[in-house]
Amino acid sequence: MLRHALKYFNHSGVELLSDETLFREVDEEVRREELENIWNKYGSWFMALCLGIIVAVAGIKGWQYYQKTQAEAGGKAYFDAVEKLKTDKAANADEVFAKIVQNHAGFGSLARLQMAAAKAKSGKIADAVLAYDAIAADTSVDIPLRQLADIKAAYLLADTTGLEQLKKRLAPYSDAHSPWRNAAREILAIGAYRASDYPQAAQQLQDILADIQASPAARQRATMFLAILTPRLKAKGKSN
């Protein structure tokens, strides 16, 4: 500290700078020495903390990159498999998609849906329903895909299952706010038609047409179905 004080006096003892400047310089020196003491005491901890943060950030970024590359690889494998089934009629869907289920968890649920659809396409309806039901019951699968599997199974059962059973299966989707409500209505219309309950079938179809959020495809199918249903409704009315 003395060396700083001496800077303010010449050899004759005459003050060169004001007291205010002197105090400021001394204060800065004190602060510098305090910082040096703090650094000497805690510097190693601070460096360790910084290093830990850097390692953590690098780990997170590395994991995100790994997930991204895995998702890209899974997506490519999935769409390549779909194309293979389109072009190679002899390809076994179970074998093609089983590899994706095993190696690419992110696309595994989609692959399972494709496997179930392939079973249905080949006429193995009971096996396809079992496959869809297994997906719908799997809590590790995203909820929208579980619901889709449930709806797909109900479509396959519409021609062979009693109307009351269909209603019970589709009860979770019959709510006016369910995004699957029109699919449920269409399935119930098929079930009602098969049970010769034409008024109920017509009501389900009219509910689809009255729904402003119904898709154009759903509206088109409902319109065509009603065209087929109307003569039967008239005939039944005359017989009554």
Protein backbone atom coordinates (compact mmCIF):
# COMPACT_ATOMS: atom_id res chain seq x y z
CA MET A 1 0.00 0.00 0.00
CA LEU A 2 2.90 2.37 0.81
CA ARG A 3 4.19 2.29 -2.75
CA HIS A 4 0.88 3.71 -3.97
CA ALA A 5 0.88 6.47 -1.39
CA LEU A 6 4.40 7.55 -2.37
CA LYS A 7 3.27 8.06 -5.95
CA TYR A 8 1.38 11.14 -4.89
CA PHE A 9 4.37 13.05 -3.47
CA ASN A 10 7.56 14.27 -5.09
CA HIS A 11 10.96 14.18 -3.47
CA SER A 12 10.26 17.53 -1.81
CA GLY A 13 7.10 16.23 -0.16
CA VAL A 14 4.79 18.35 -2.33
CA GLU A 15 1.39 16.78 -3.00
CA LEU A 16 0.92 16.02 -6.68
CA LEU A 17 -2.70 14.72 -6.69
CA SER A 18 -5.81 15.47 -4.68
CA ASP A 19 -6.90 13.48 -1.66
CA GLU A 20 -9.94 12.22 -3.59
CA THR A 21 -7.74 10.69 -6.29
CA LEU A 22 -5.49 9.14 -3.68
CA PHE A 23 -8.40 7.51 -1.84
CA ARG A 24 -9.82 6.18 -5.11
CA GLU A 25 -6.53 4.57 -6.05
CA VAL A 26 -6.12 3.05 -2.61
CA ASP A 27 -9.71 1.74 -2.71
CA GLU A 28 -9.12 0.08 -6.10
CA GLU A 29 -5.97 -1.56 -4.77
CA VAL A 30 -7.87 -2.92 -1.78
CA ARG A 31 -10.61 -4.34 -4.01
CA ARG A 32 -8.03 -5.95 -6.27
CA GLU A 33 -6.34 -7.62 -3.31
CA GLU A 34 -9.72 -8.83 -2.01
CA LEU A 35 -10.55 -10.35 -5.41
CA GLU A 36 -7.16 -12.05 -5.47
CA ASN A 37 -7.83 -13.53 -2.04
CA ILE A 38 -11.28 -14.75 -3.09
CA TRP A 39 -9.87 -16.28 -6.27
CA ASN A 40 -7.05 -18.00 -4.38
CA LYS A 41 -9.59 -19.45 -1.98
CA TYR A 42 -12.44 -20.40 -4.33
CA GLY A 43 -10.93 -20.33 -7.82
CA SER A 44 -10.51 -24.09 -8.07
CA TRP A 45 -14.17 -24.60 -7.13
CA PHE A 46 -15.26 -22.07 -9.70
CA MET A 47 -13.21 -23.80 -12.42
CA ALA A 48 -14.68 -27.17 -11.43
CA LEU A 49 -18.20 -25.72 -11.66
CA CYS A 50 -17.52 -24.26 -15.10
CA LEU A 51 -16.06 -27.56 -16.28
CA GLY A 52 -19.10 -29.43 -14.94
CA ILE A 53 -21.46 -27.12 -16.82
CA ILE A 54 -19.48 -27.58 -20.04
CA VAL A 55 -19.52 -31.37 -19.67
CA ALA A 56 -23.28 -31.37 -18.92
CA VAL A 57 -24.09 -29.19 -21.94
CA ALA A 58 -21.89 -31.36 -24.16
CA GLY A 59 -23.68 -34.47 -22.86
CA ILE A 60 -27.13 -33.01 -23.55
CA LYS A 61 -26.14 -31.91 -27.04
CA GLY A 62 -24.61 -35.31 -27.71
CA TRP A 63 -27.77 -37.09 -26.57
CA GLN A 64 -29.96 -34.80 -28.70
CA TYR A 65 -27.77 -35.51 -31.73
CA TYR A 66 -27.99 -39.26 -31.04
CA GLN A 67 -31.78 -39.07 -30.79
CA LYS A 68 -31.95 -37.07 -34.02
CA THR A 69 -29.82 -39.54 -35.95
CA GLN A 70 -31.79 -42.48 -34.54
CA ALA A 71 -35.08 -40.84 -35.53
CA GLU A 72 -33.78 -40.18 -39.03
CA ALA A 73 -32.55 -43.76 -39.36
CA GLY A 74 -35.87 -45.10 -38.06
CA GLY A 75 -37.85 -42.92 -40.44
CA LYS A 76 -35.81 -44.04 -43.42
CA ALA A 77 -36.13 -47.70 -42.45
CA TYR A 78 -39.89 -47.33 -41.99
CA PHE A 79 -40.59 -45.63 -45.30
CA ASP A 80 -38.20 -47.96 -47.13
CA ALA A 81 -40.18 -50.87 -45.69
CA VAL A 82 -43.48 -49.36 -46.85
CA GLU A 83 -42.08 -48.92 -50.36
CA LYS A 84 -40.74 -52.47 -50.34
CA LEU A 85 -44.21 -53.84 -49.62
CA LYS A 86 -45.65 -51.73 -52.43
CA THR A 87 -43.17 -52.94 -55.04
CA ASP A 88 -42.41 -56.46 -53.78
CA LYS A 89 -45.71 -58.31 -53.51
CA ALA A 90 -43.94 -61.39 -52.15
CA ALA A 91 -42.39 -59.49 -49.25
CA ASN A 92 -43.45 -60.65 -45.79
CA ALA A 93 -44.84 -57.66 -43.88
CA ASP A 94 -44.12 -59.24 -40.50
CA GLU A 95 -40.45 -59.72 -41.35
CA VAL A 96 -40.07 -56.26 -42.89
CA PHE A 97 -41.62 -54.38 -39.97
CA ALA A 98 -40.43 -56.66 -37.16
CA LYS A 99 -36.90 -55.38 -37.76
CA ILE A 100 -38.12 -51.81 -37.27
CA VAL A 101 -39.96 -52.74 -34.06
CA GLN A 102 -36.75 -54.30 -32.76
CA ASN A 103 -34.24 -51.65 -33.88
CA HIS A 104 -36.14 -48.35 -34.05
CA ALA A 105 -38.37 -47.82 -31.01
CA GLY A 106 -39.58 -44.43 -32.25
CA PHE A 107 -41.21 -46.00 -35.32
CA GLY A 108 -42.01 -49.32 -33.67
CA SER A 109 -45.66 -48.43 -33.02
CA LEU A 110 -46.20 -47.39 -36.63
CA ALA A 111 -44.58 -50.62 -37.77
CA ARG A 112 -46.92 -52.61 -35.52
CA LEU A 113 -49.91 -50.83 -37.06
CA GLN A 114 -48.61 -51.71 -40.51
CA MET A 115 -48.20 -55.35 -39.49
CA ALA A 116 -51.80 -55.45 -38.25
CA ALA A 117 -53.03 -53.82 -41.47
CA ALA A 118 -51.12 -56.38 -43.54
CA LYS A 119 -52.84 -59.19 -41.62
CA ALA A 120 -56.23 -57.63 -42.34
CA LYS A 121 -55.36 -57.20 -46.02
CA SER A 122 -54.41 -60.88 -46.29
CA GLY A 123 -57.76 -61.91 -44.80
CA LYS A 124 -56.49 -62.76 -41.31
CA ILE A 125 -59.12 -60.61 -39.63
CA ALA A 126 -59.01 -62.27 -36.21
CA ASP A 127 -55.21 -61.96 -36.09
CA ALA A 128 -55.42 -58.33 -37.20
CA VAL A 129 -57.95 -57.51 -34.46
CA LEU A 130 -55.72 -59.16 -31.87
CA ALA A 131 -52.75 -57.13 -33.13
CA TYR A 132 -54.72 -53.87 -33.01
CA ASP A 133 -56.07 -54.68 -29.55
CA ALA A 134 -52.53 -55.35 -28.31
CA ILE A 135 -51.44 -51.92 -29.51
CA ALA A 136 -54.50 -50.26 -27.95
CA ALA A 137 -53.71 -51.89 -24.60
CA ASP A 138 -50.00 -50.99 -24.65
CA THR A 139 -49.47 -48.00 -22.36
CA SER A 140 -46.00 -47.39 -23.83
CA VAL A 141 -47.63 -46.43 -27.14
CA ASP A 142 -48.72 -42.81 -27.68
CA ILE A 143 -52.42 -42.32 -26.90
CA PRO A 144 -53.46 -41.18 -30.43
CA LEU A 145 -51.93 -44.34 -31.92
CA ARG A 146 -53.63 -46.50 -29.29
CA GLN A 147 -56.95 -44.89 -30.15
CA LEU A 148 -56.31 -45.36 -33.87
CA ALA A 149 -55.66 -49.06 -33.28
CA ASP A 150 -58.93 -49.31 -31.34
CA ILE A 151 -60.87 -47.69 -34.20
CA LYS A 152 -59.15 -49.91 -36.80
CA ALA A 153 -60.13 -53.01 -34.84
CA ALA A 154 -63.73 -51.80 -34.59
CA TYR A 155 -63.90 -51.28 -38.37
CA LEU A 156 -62.80 -54.88 -38.89
CA LEU A 157 -65.43 -56.12 -36.41
CA ALA A 158 -68.31 -54.08 -37.84
CA ASP A 159 -69.44 -56.89 -40.17
CA THR A 160 -69.27 -59.69 -37.62
CA THR A 161 -69.94 -58.20 -34.19
CA GLY A 162 -73.31 -57.39 -32.65
CA LEU A 163 -74.43 -53.77 -32.53
CA GLU A 164 -74.46 -53.63 -28.73
CA GLN A 165 -70.91 -54.96 -28.57
CA LEU A 166 -69.81 -52.33 -31.06
CA LYS A 167 -71.47 -49.63 -28.98
CA LYS A 168 -69.64 -50.83 -25.90
CA ARG A 169 -66.29 -50.89 -27.70
CA LEU A 170 -66.82 -47.45 -29.20
CA ALA A 171 -68.28 -45.79 -26.11
CA PRO A 172 -65.04 -43.83 -25.38
CA TYR A 173 -65.20 -42.29 -28.86
CA SER A 174 -68.90 -41.46 -29.03
CA ASP A 175 -68.52 -38.24 -27.08
CA ALA A 176 -69.27 -35.10 -29.12
CA HIS A 177 -65.77 -33.78 -28.39
CA SER A 178 -63.86 -36.92 -29.35
CA PRO A 179 -61.71 -36.52 -32.47
CA TRP A 180 -62.77 -40.06 -33.44
CA ARG A 181 -66.52 -39.45 -33.09
CA ASN A 182 -67.28 -39.55 -36.83
CA ALA A 183 -65.30 -42.75 -37.31
CA ALA A 184 -67.31 -44.25 -34.44
CA ARG A 185 -70.55 -43.04 -36.02
CA GLU A 186 -69.63 -44.61 -39.34
CA ILE A 187 -68.81 -47.95 -37.71
CA LEU A 188 -72.06 -47.90 -35.74
CA ALA A 189 -73.95 -47.09 -38.94
CA ILE A 190 -72.44 -50.20 -40.54
CA GLY A 191 -73.35 -52.27 -37.50
CA ALA A 192 -76.90 -50.90 -37.42
CA TYR A 193 -77.35 -51.51 -41.15
CA ARG A 194 -76.17 -55.08 -40.75
CA ALA A 195 -78.66 -55.53 -37.88
CA SER A 196 -81.42 -54.12 -40.14
CA ASP A 197 -81.81 -51.17 -37.79
CA TYR A 198 -82.02 -48.70 -40.66
CA PRO A 199 -83.34 -45.70 -38.67
CA GLN A 200 -80.39 -45.89 -36.30
CA ALA A 201 -77.96 -46.28 -39.20
CA ALA A 202 -79.48 -43.22 -40.86
CA GLN A 203 -79.22 -41.22 -37.62
CA GLN A 204 -75.53 -41.99 -37.29
CA LEU A 205 -74.90 -40.89 -40.88
CA GLN A 206 -76.95 -37.73 -40.46
CA ASP A 207 -74.91 -36.90 -37.35
CA ILE A 208 -71.78 -37.08 -39.48
CA LEU A 209 -73.24 -34.73 -42.09
CA ALA A 210 -74.39 -32.32 -39.37
CA ASP A 211 -70.91 -32.16 -37.85
CA ILE A 212 -69.15 -29.07 -39.23
CA GLN A 213 -65.79 -30.63 -38.36
CA ALA A 214 -66.40 -33.83 -40.31
CA SER A 215 -63.80 -34.39 -43.01
CA PRO A 216 -64.82 -34.21 -46.70
CA ALA A 217 -64.08 -37.94 -47.04
CA ALA A 218 -66.33 -38.79 -44.07
CA ARG A 219 -69.12 -36.62 -45.52
CA GLN A 220 -68.78 -38.28 -48.92
CA ARG A 221 -69.00 -41.78 -47.46
CA ALA A 222 -71.99 -40.79 -45.31
CA THR A 223 -73.79 -39.34 -48.34
CA MET A 224 -73.18 -42.48 -50.41
CA PHE A 225 -74.26 -44.72 -47.54
CA LEU A 226 -77.47 -42.74 -47.07
CA ALA A 227 -78.22 -43.09 -50.78
CA ILE A 228 -78.07 -46.87 -50.37
CA LEU A 229 -80.00 -46.75 -47.10
CA THR A 230 -82.89 -44.48 -48.14
CA PRO A 231 -84.81 -47.05 -50.27
CA ARG A 232 -84.63 -49.56 -47.41
CA LEU A 233 -85.92 -46.93 -44.98
CA LYS A 234 -88.87 -46.23 -47.30
CA ALA A 235 -89.60 -49.90 -47.76
CA LYS A 236 -89.51 -50.52 -44.04
CA GLY A 237 -91.80 -47.54 -43.48
CA LYS A 238 -94.39 -48.91 -45.90
CA SER A 239 -94.26 -52.33 -44.30
CA ASN A 240 -94.98 -50.77 -40.92
